[in-house]
């Protein structure tokens, strides 16, 4: 998995976990190839299973096109041992606009919120940019306001 570089450092692959039900995005990410990047996919079915898998990643990308996705992003952001979360969304729900939903994700502690459509290369560049960065404080669960 890791390689040894001439400076004596171990080059570790960037592990990105994607939790989004968008089949187009999943297909684009599956066909995306970048040296040193491992992309995994998980359906956000169970918060406990999602947390366990997320803890193993360097960056977690969560689709927030529904209340369950936003809640999952907020839950992950509220846990100090979790990696940075990138929220992505292109649709609102419960009368909220997509912009409102992404703002709620920001307020919950997402390291970055991106509107869809987003390309695989943009998403992986964003993941590389936030990898290893920890939030100064814990996020709070967004209210339904």
N, C-alpha and C. Protein backbone atom coordinates (compact mmCIF):
# COMPACT_ATOMS: atom_id res chain seq x y z
N UNK A 1 0.83 -1.18 0.00
CA UNK A 1 0.00 0.00 0.00
C UNK A 1 0.87 1.24 0.00
N UNK A 2 1.77 1.39 0.98
CA UNK A 2 2.63 2.56 1.02
C UNK A 2 3.93 2.27 0.28
N UNK A 3 4.60 3.34 -0.14
CA UNK A 3 5.86 3.20 -0.81
C UNK A 3 6.91 3.90 0.01
N UNK A 4 8.16 3.52 -0.19
CA UNK A 4 9.27 4.14 0.51
C UNK A 4 9.89 5.17 -0.42
N UNK A 5 10.00 6.43 0.04
CA UNK A 5 10.61 7.44 -0.82
C UNK A 5 12.07 7.66 -0.43
N UNK A 6 12.84 8.37 -1.26
CA UNK A 6 14.26 8.54 -1.01
C UNK A 6 14.57 9.29 0.29
N UNK A 7 13.65 10.05 0.81
CA UNK A 7 13.87 10.81 2.03
C UNK A 7 13.61 9.98 3.28
N UNK A 8 13.26 8.72 3.10
CA UNK A 8 13.03 7.85 4.24
C UNK A 8 11.62 7.95 4.79
N UNK A 9 10.74 8.62 4.09
CA UNK A 9 9.35 8.77 4.52
C UNK A 9 8.51 7.69 3.85
N UNK A 10 7.44 7.31 4.49
CA UNK A 10 6.51 6.37 3.87
C UNK A 10 5.40 7.17 3.20
N UNK A 11 5.17 6.89 1.93
CA UNK A 11 4.14 7.56 1.16
C UNK A 11 2.87 6.73 1.29
N UNK A 12 1.90 7.22 2.02
CA UNK A 12 0.67 6.49 2.30
C UNK A 12 -0.41 6.90 1.31
N UNK A 13 -1.15 5.94 0.81
CA UNK A 13 -2.25 6.24 -0.10
C UNK A 13 -3.34 7.02 0.62
N UNK A 14 -3.93 7.97 -0.07
CA UNK A 14 -5.06 8.73 0.46
C UNK A 14 -6.31 7.86 0.36
N UNK A 15 -6.94 7.58 1.51
CA UNK A 15 -8.14 6.74 1.54
C UNK A 15 -9.36 7.64 1.64
N UNK A 16 -10.21 7.56 0.62
CA UNK A 16 -11.42 8.37 0.56
C UNK A 16 -12.63 7.44 0.60
N UNK A 17 -13.54 7.72 1.52
CA UNK A 17 -14.78 6.95 1.62
C UNK A 17 -15.91 7.83 1.13
N UNK A 18 -16.68 7.32 0.16
CA UNK A 18 -17.79 8.06 -0.43
C UNK A 18 -19.09 7.43 0.01
N UNK A 19 -19.94 8.25 0.62
CA UNK A 19 -21.28 7.81 1.04
C UNK A 19 -22.29 8.70 0.35
N UNK A 20 -22.62 8.32 -0.87
CA UNK A 20 -23.57 9.09 -1.69
C UNK A 20 -24.25 8.11 -2.62
N UNK A 21 -25.54 8.27 -2.80
CA UNK A 21 -26.33 7.33 -3.61
C UNK A 21 -26.39 7.71 -5.09
N UNK A 22 -25.72 8.77 -5.50
CA UNK A 22 -25.75 9.26 -6.88
C UNK A 22 -24.99 8.29 -7.80
N UNK A 23 -25.71 7.53 -8.65
CA UNK A 23 -25.03 6.54 -9.49
C UNK A 23 -24.07 7.17 -10.49
N UNK A 24 -24.37 8.37 -10.99
CA UNK A 24 -23.48 9.03 -11.93
C UNK A 24 -22.15 9.41 -11.28
N UNK A 25 -22.23 9.92 -10.07
CA UNK A 25 -21.02 10.28 -9.34
C UNK A 25 -20.22 9.03 -9.00
N UNK A 26 -20.89 7.97 -8.57
CA UNK A 26 -20.20 6.73 -8.25
C UNK A 26 -19.47 6.18 -9.48
N UNK A 27 -20.14 6.21 -10.64
CA UNK A 27 -19.50 5.70 -11.87
C UNK A 27 -18.29 6.54 -12.23
N UNK A 28 -18.41 7.86 -12.11
CA UNK A 28 -17.29 8.74 -12.43
C UNK A 28 -16.12 8.49 -11.49
N UNK A 29 -16.40 8.31 -10.22
CA UNK A 29 -15.33 8.06 -9.26
C UNK A 29 -14.70 6.68 -9.45
N UNK A 30 -15.51 5.69 -9.84
CA UNK A 30 -14.96 4.35 -10.07
C UNK A 30 -14.02 4.35 -11.27
N UNK A 31 -14.30 5.18 -12.26
CA UNK A 31 -13.45 5.22 -13.45
C UNK A 31 -12.28 6.18 -13.26
N UNK A 32 -12.30 6.95 -12.20
CA UNK A 32 -11.23 7.91 -11.93
C UNK A 32 -10.03 7.18 -11.37
N UNK A 33 -8.88 7.47 -11.91
CA UNK A 33 -7.67 6.81 -11.45
C UNK A 33 -6.64 7.87 -11.10
N UNK A 34 -6.18 7.84 -9.87
CA UNK A 34 -5.14 8.76 -9.43
C UNK A 34 -4.18 7.98 -8.55
N UNK A 35 -2.93 8.00 -8.91
CA UNK A 35 -1.93 7.27 -8.13
C UNK A 35 -1.97 7.74 -6.69
N UNK A 36 -1.90 6.79 -5.78
CA UNK A 36 -1.87 7.12 -4.36
C UNK A 36 -3.22 7.41 -3.76
N UNK A 37 -4.30 7.11 -4.47
CA UNK A 37 -5.65 7.35 -3.94
C UNK A 37 -6.45 6.07 -3.99
N UNK A 38 -7.08 5.74 -2.86
CA UNK A 38 -8.00 4.60 -2.80
C UNK A 38 -9.38 5.15 -2.51
N UNK A 39 -10.35 4.80 -3.36
CA UNK A 39 -11.71 5.28 -3.19
C UNK A 39 -12.60 4.11 -2.85
N UNK A 40 -13.31 4.21 -1.73
CA UNK A 40 -14.26 3.18 -1.31
C UNK A 40 -15.66 3.77 -1.28
N UNK A 41 -16.64 2.90 -1.36
CA UNK A 41 -18.04 3.33 -1.38
C UNK A 41 -18.81 2.61 -0.29
N UNK A 42 -19.72 3.32 0.33
CA UNK A 42 -20.57 2.75 1.37
C UNK A 42 -21.92 3.42 1.32
N UNK A 43 -22.97 2.61 1.27
CA UNK A 43 -24.32 3.17 1.35
C UNK A 43 -24.57 3.58 2.80
N UNK A 44 -25.06 4.78 3.01
CA UNK A 44 -25.28 5.25 4.39
C UNK A 44 -26.51 4.62 5.01
N UNK A 45 -26.44 3.32 5.28
CA UNK A 45 -27.60 2.60 5.82
C UNK A 45 -27.66 2.66 7.34
N UNK A 46 -26.54 2.45 7.98
CA UNK A 46 -26.51 2.40 9.43
C UNK A 46 -25.45 3.36 9.93
N UNK A 47 -25.82 4.22 10.85
CA UNK A 47 -24.87 5.20 11.38
C UNK A 47 -23.69 4.50 12.04
N UNK A 48 -23.94 3.43 12.77
CA UNK A 48 -22.86 2.73 13.46
C UNK A 48 -21.87 2.13 12.46
N UNK A 49 -22.37 1.48 11.42
CA UNK A 49 -21.49 0.90 10.40
C UNK A 49 -20.75 2.01 9.66
N UNK A 50 -21.46 3.10 9.38
CA UNK A 50 -20.85 4.23 8.67
C UNK A 50 -19.72 4.83 9.50
N UNK A 51 -19.92 5.00 10.79
CA UNK A 51 -18.88 5.56 11.66
C UNK A 51 -17.65 4.66 11.69
N UNK A 52 -17.87 3.35 11.76
CA UNK A 52 -16.75 2.41 11.82
C UNK A 52 -15.91 2.50 10.55
N UNK A 53 -16.55 2.50 9.40
CA UNK A 53 -15.83 2.59 8.13
C UNK A 53 -15.19 3.96 7.95
N UNK A 54 -15.90 5.01 8.35
CA UNK A 54 -15.38 6.37 8.19
C UNK A 54 -14.11 6.58 8.99
N UNK A 55 -14.03 5.97 10.15
CA UNK A 55 -12.86 6.14 11.01
C UNK A 55 -11.59 5.61 10.35
N UNK A 56 -11.73 4.71 9.38
CA UNK A 56 -10.58 4.12 8.69
C UNK A 56 -10.11 4.95 7.50
N UNK A 57 -10.90 5.95 7.12
CA UNK A 57 -10.58 6.77 5.95
C UNK A 57 -9.78 8.01 6.35
N UNK A 58 -9.19 8.64 5.34
CA UNK A 58 -8.51 9.93 5.54
C UNK A 58 -9.47 11.08 5.31
N UNK A 59 -10.46 10.87 4.45
CA UNK A 59 -11.48 11.87 4.12
C UNK A 59 -12.78 11.11 3.86
N UNK A 60 -13.90 11.68 4.30
CA UNK A 60 -15.21 11.09 4.04
C UNK A 60 -16.03 12.09 3.24
N UNK A 61 -16.63 11.61 2.16
CA UNK A 61 -17.50 12.43 1.32
C UNK A 61 -18.92 11.93 1.53
N UNK A 62 -19.81 12.83 1.97
CA UNK A 62 -21.18 12.44 2.29
C UNK A 62 -22.16 13.25 1.43
N UNK A 63 -23.05 12.54 0.75
CA UNK A 63 -24.12 13.19 0.01
C UNK A 63 -25.18 13.69 0.98
N UNK A 64 -25.54 14.96 0.86
CA UNK A 64 -26.50 15.56 1.79
C UNK A 64 -27.77 15.99 1.06
N UNK A 65 -28.18 15.19 0.07
CA UNK A 65 -29.39 15.48 -0.69
C UNK A 65 -30.67 15.06 0.03
N UNK A 66 -30.53 14.49 1.21
CA UNK A 66 -31.69 14.08 2.00
C UNK A 66 -31.36 14.31 3.48
N UNK A 67 -32.38 14.27 4.30
CA UNK A 67 -32.21 14.51 5.74
C UNK A 67 -31.26 13.48 6.36
N UNK A 68 -31.35 12.23 5.91
CA UNK A 68 -30.49 11.18 6.46
C UNK A 68 -29.02 11.47 6.18
N UNK A 69 -28.71 11.94 4.98
CA UNK A 69 -27.33 12.27 4.63
C UNK A 69 -26.81 13.44 5.44
N UNK A 70 -27.63 14.46 5.62
CA UNK A 70 -27.22 15.62 6.42
C UNK A 70 -27.00 15.21 7.87
N UNK A 71 -27.88 14.37 8.38
CA UNK A 71 -27.74 13.88 9.75
C UNK A 71 -26.47 13.06 9.91
N UNK A 72 -26.15 12.23 8.93
CA UNK A 72 -24.93 11.43 8.98
C UNK A 72 -23.70 12.33 8.96
N UNK A 73 -23.70 13.34 8.08
CA UNK A 73 -22.57 14.26 8.02
C UNK A 73 -22.39 14.97 9.36
N UNK A 74 -23.48 15.42 9.96
CA UNK A 74 -23.41 16.10 11.26
C UNK A 74 -22.89 15.16 12.34
N UNK A 75 -23.35 13.91 12.31
CA UNK A 75 -22.91 12.93 13.30
C UNK A 75 -21.40 12.69 13.18
N UNK A 76 -20.92 12.50 11.97
CA UNK A 76 -19.49 12.26 11.77
C UNK A 76 -18.67 13.48 12.19
N UNK A 77 -19.16 14.67 11.85
CA UNK A 77 -18.43 15.90 12.20
C UNK A 77 -18.39 16.13 13.71
N UNK A 78 -19.36 15.61 14.43
CA UNK A 78 -19.42 15.84 15.87
C UNK A 78 -18.47 14.95 16.65
N UNK A 79 -17.83 14.01 15.99
CA UNK A 79 -16.94 13.05 16.65
C UNK A 79 -15.49 13.44 16.40
N UNK A 80 -14.75 13.70 17.46
CA UNK A 80 -13.38 14.21 17.31
C UNK A 80 -12.41 13.27 16.61
N UNK A 81 -12.61 11.98 16.65
CA UNK A 81 -11.66 11.04 16.04
C UNK A 81 -11.92 10.82 14.55
N UNK A 82 -12.95 11.44 14.00
CA UNK A 82 -13.30 11.22 12.60
C UNK A 82 -12.44 12.09 11.68
N UNK A 83 -12.22 11.60 10.46
CA UNK A 83 -11.50 12.40 9.47
C UNK A 83 -12.38 13.55 8.97
N UNK A 84 -11.80 14.48 8.22
CA UNK A 84 -12.59 15.57 7.67
C UNK A 84 -13.72 15.05 6.77
N UNK A 85 -14.83 15.76 6.79
CA UNK A 85 -16.01 15.42 6.00
C UNK A 85 -16.21 16.47 4.92
N UNK A 86 -16.42 16.01 3.70
CA UNK A 86 -16.83 16.89 2.60
C UNK A 86 -18.28 16.58 2.32
N UNK A 87 -19.14 17.59 2.41
CA UNK A 87 -20.56 17.44 2.10
C UNK A 87 -20.78 17.84 0.65
N UNK A 88 -21.53 17.01 -0.09
CA UNK A 88 -21.87 17.35 -1.47
C UNK A 88 -23.37 17.25 -1.63
N UNK A 89 -23.93 18.17 -2.38
CA UNK A 89 -25.38 18.13 -2.57
C UNK A 89 -25.81 18.97 -3.76
N UNK A 90 -26.87 18.53 -4.38
CA UNK A 90 -27.42 19.24 -5.52
C UNK A 90 -28.92 19.40 -5.44
N UNK A 91 -29.50 18.89 -4.37
CA UNK A 91 -30.95 18.99 -4.21
C UNK A 91 -31.26 19.35 -2.76
N UNK A 92 -32.31 20.10 -2.60
CA UNK A 92 -32.77 20.41 -1.26
C UNK A 92 -33.80 19.37 -0.83
N UNK A 93 -34.29 19.52 0.37
CA UNK A 93 -35.34 18.65 0.88
C UNK A 93 -36.09 19.39 1.97
N UNK A 94 -37.28 18.94 2.28
CA UNK A 94 -38.12 19.54 3.32
C UNK A 94 -38.24 21.05 3.17
N UNK A 95 -38.34 21.52 1.94
CA UNK A 95 -38.50 22.95 1.68
C UNK A 95 -37.21 23.75 1.74
N UNK A 96 -36.08 23.08 1.96
CA UNK A 96 -34.79 23.77 2.01
C UNK A 96 -34.15 23.74 0.62
N UNK A 97 -33.52 24.84 0.26
CA UNK A 97 -32.81 24.89 -1.02
C UNK A 97 -31.49 24.12 -0.89
N UNK A 98 -30.89 23.74 -2.01
CA UNK A 98 -29.58 23.06 -1.94
C UNK A 98 -28.53 23.92 -1.20
N UNK A 99 -28.58 25.22 -1.43
CA UNK A 99 -27.64 26.12 -0.76
C UNK A 99 -27.84 26.09 0.76
N UNK A 100 -29.10 26.06 1.19
CA UNK A 100 -29.41 25.99 2.62
C UNK A 100 -28.88 24.70 3.22
N UNK A 101 -29.07 23.60 2.52
CA UNK A 101 -28.61 22.30 3.01
C UNK A 101 -27.08 22.29 3.14
N UNK A 102 -26.37 22.84 2.15
CA UNK A 102 -24.91 22.89 2.22
C UNK A 102 -24.44 23.81 3.35
N UNK A 103 -25.18 24.89 3.60
CA UNK A 103 -24.85 25.77 4.72
C UNK A 103 -25.04 25.03 6.05
N UNK A 104 -26.11 24.25 6.15
CA UNK A 104 -26.31 23.45 7.37
C UNK A 104 -25.16 22.46 7.57
N UNK A 105 -24.68 21.88 6.48
CA UNK A 105 -23.54 20.97 6.57
C UNK A 105 -22.30 21.72 7.06
N UNK A 106 -22.09 22.93 6.55
CA UNK A 106 -20.96 23.75 7.02
C UNK A 106 -21.08 24.01 8.52
N UNK A 107 -22.27 24.39 8.93
CA UNK A 107 -22.50 24.69 10.35
C UNK A 107 -22.32 23.45 11.23
N UNK A 108 -22.57 22.29 10.66
CA UNK A 108 -22.41 21.04 11.41
C UNK A 108 -20.94 20.64 11.54
N UNK A 109 -20.07 21.31 10.79
CA UNK A 109 -18.64 21.03 10.91
C UNK A 109 -17.98 20.44 9.69
N UNK A 110 -18.68 20.38 8.55
CA UNK A 110 -18.05 19.85 7.35
C UNK A 110 -16.81 20.68 7.01
N UNK A 111 -15.74 20.01 6.63
CA UNK A 111 -14.51 20.70 6.25
C UNK A 111 -14.72 21.50 4.98
N UNK A 112 -15.64 21.02 4.13
CA UNK A 112 -15.92 21.65 2.86
C UNK A 112 -17.29 21.20 2.40
N UNK A 113 -18.03 22.10 1.75
CA UNK A 113 -19.33 21.75 1.16
C UNK A 113 -19.30 22.15 -0.30
N UNK A 114 -19.63 21.20 -1.17
CA UNK A 114 -19.56 21.44 -2.61
C UNK A 114 -20.92 21.17 -3.26
N UNK A 115 -21.34 22.09 -4.15
CA UNK A 115 -22.59 21.83 -4.87
C UNK A 115 -22.36 20.86 -6.02
N UNK A 116 -23.37 20.04 -6.29
CA UNK A 116 -23.34 19.17 -7.47
C UNK A 116 -23.87 19.99 -8.64
N UNK A 117 -23.46 19.72 -9.84
CA UNK A 117 -22.55 18.63 -10.20
C UNK A 117 -21.10 18.99 -9.87
N UNK A 118 -20.36 17.99 -9.49
CA UNK A 118 -18.94 18.13 -9.21
C UNK A 118 -18.23 16.98 -9.92
N UNK A 119 -17.11 17.28 -10.56
CA UNK A 119 -16.41 16.22 -11.29
C UNK A 119 -15.57 15.39 -10.32
N UNK A 120 -15.20 14.21 -10.78
CA UNK A 120 -14.38 13.33 -9.97
C UNK A 120 -13.04 13.99 -9.65
N UNK A 121 -12.45 14.67 -10.62
CA UNK A 121 -11.15 15.30 -10.38
C UNK A 121 -11.28 16.46 -9.39
N UNK A 122 -12.36 17.23 -9.46
CA UNK A 122 -12.58 18.30 -8.49
C UNK A 122 -12.76 17.73 -7.09
N UNK A 123 -13.51 16.66 -7.01
CA UNK A 123 -13.78 16.04 -5.70
C UNK A 123 -12.51 15.45 -5.09
N UNK A 124 -11.69 14.80 -5.90
CA UNK A 124 -10.45 14.23 -5.37
C UNK A 124 -9.44 15.32 -5.02
N UNK A 125 -9.42 16.42 -5.76
CA UNK A 125 -8.55 17.55 -5.41
C UNK A 125 -8.99 18.15 -4.07
N UNK A 126 -10.30 18.26 -3.87
CA UNK A 126 -10.83 18.76 -2.61
C UNK A 126 -10.47 17.82 -1.47
N UNK A 127 -10.58 16.52 -1.71
CA UNK A 127 -10.24 15.53 -0.67
C UNK A 127 -8.77 15.64 -0.29
N UNK A 128 -7.91 15.77 -1.28
CA UNK A 128 -6.48 15.91 -1.01
C UNK A 128 -6.21 17.19 -0.22
N UNK A 129 -6.99 18.23 -0.50
CA UNK A 129 -6.80 19.51 0.18
C UNK A 129 -7.20 19.49 1.65
N UNK A 130 -8.19 18.69 2.01
CA UNK A 130 -8.65 18.67 3.41
C UNK A 130 -8.08 17.49 4.20
N UNK A 131 -7.45 16.55 3.53
CA UNK A 131 -6.91 15.37 4.21
C UNK A 131 -5.93 15.79 5.30
N UNK A 132 -6.09 15.19 6.45
CA UNK A 132 -5.19 15.46 7.56
C UNK A 132 -5.53 16.70 8.36
N UNK A 133 -6.45 17.50 7.88
CA UNK A 133 -6.83 18.71 8.60
C UNK A 133 -7.92 18.38 9.59
N UNK A 134 -7.72 18.76 10.81
CA UNK A 134 -8.73 18.54 11.85
C UNK A 134 -9.42 19.86 12.13
N UNK A 135 -10.67 19.78 12.44
CA UNK A 135 -11.44 20.97 12.78
C UNK A 135 -11.03 21.46 14.16
N UNK A 136 -11.02 22.79 14.36
CA UNK A 136 -10.65 23.30 15.68
C UNK A 136 -11.68 22.95 16.75
N UNK A 137 -12.94 22.84 16.38
CA UNK A 137 -13.99 22.48 17.34
C UNK A 137 -14.88 21.43 16.75
N UNK A 138 -15.74 20.90 17.55
CA UNK A 138 -16.68 19.89 17.05
C UNK A 138 -17.88 20.60 16.46
N UNK A 139 -18.46 20.00 15.42
CA UNK A 139 -19.67 20.54 14.84
C UNK A 139 -20.86 20.23 15.71
N UNK A 140 -21.93 20.95 15.47
CA UNK A 140 -23.18 20.70 16.19
C UNK A 140 -24.18 20.15 15.20
N UNK A 141 -25.10 19.38 15.69
CA UNK A 141 -26.14 18.84 14.81
C UNK A 141 -26.99 19.99 14.31
N UNK A 142 -27.26 20.05 13.00
CA UNK A 142 -28.06 21.15 12.46
C UNK A 142 -29.51 21.04 12.92
N UNK A 143 -30.11 22.18 13.08
CA UNK A 143 -31.53 22.17 13.46
C UNK A 143 -32.35 22.12 12.18
N UNK A 144 -33.59 21.82 12.33
CA UNK A 144 -34.48 21.72 11.16
C UNK A 144 -34.97 23.09 10.74
N UNK A 145 -34.45 24.17 11.28
CA UNK A 145 -34.91 25.52 10.96
C UNK A 145 -34.65 25.88 9.54
